[in-house]
Amino acid sequence: MYGLWAYNVFFDDTGYFVISTTSDRGNKEAILSMVEEHLEGVRRGEVDAERVAEAQAALKGRWALAMEDNVERAVWLAQWSVVLSADEPVPDYQAAIDTVTPEDLSRVVETYFTPQRRYLGLHQPVATVASGARAVGIVVGLGLSTWVARQLWRRARADRKRGGATHRRLTG
């Protein structure tokens, strides 16, 4: 496995959670097993409070950096205007993140990460770096072989022409 990412994709009315990785083709079952085991551990409540605190700090830090840009802050505030009524305040993101507990994570996994709500998407490219390099090597090898064969054929043809002309001069 070369990398592992987890993130949310939000839409106006719904969204989904993604666990994504890149790997060699033969690792699919091992990766699925690893993800399944981790989700099962979270569902059973095997989440370290210290790791939750680290994740909270990372989320709040990323949010703070994103909100330094006034355009991003304006977009964030404008998005709330669509879902909140006129008398509702904009939620305090950092305070909401601080209230998340390991038990909340277990409840979310139990509720939303059920097999009925999951789907698996695999992207298997037609050409990878390795297969592309192999194809380029084959094309270059065939091209070089063709060029060498043509050079040898031309040389043999030129030698025959010279030999034939010399032979005619001597006998004719």
Foldseek 3Di string as FASTA:
>chain_A
DADWDWDWADDLVDTDIDIDDDDPPVCVVVVVVVVVVVLVCLLVLVDDQVVLVVVLVVVVVVVVVQVVDVVSVVVVVVSVVVVDDPPDDDDDVSVVSVPDGSVNSNVCSVPQVDPVNDDDDDDDDPDDPVNVVVVVVVVVVVVVVVVVVVVVVVVVVVVVVVVVVVVVVVVD
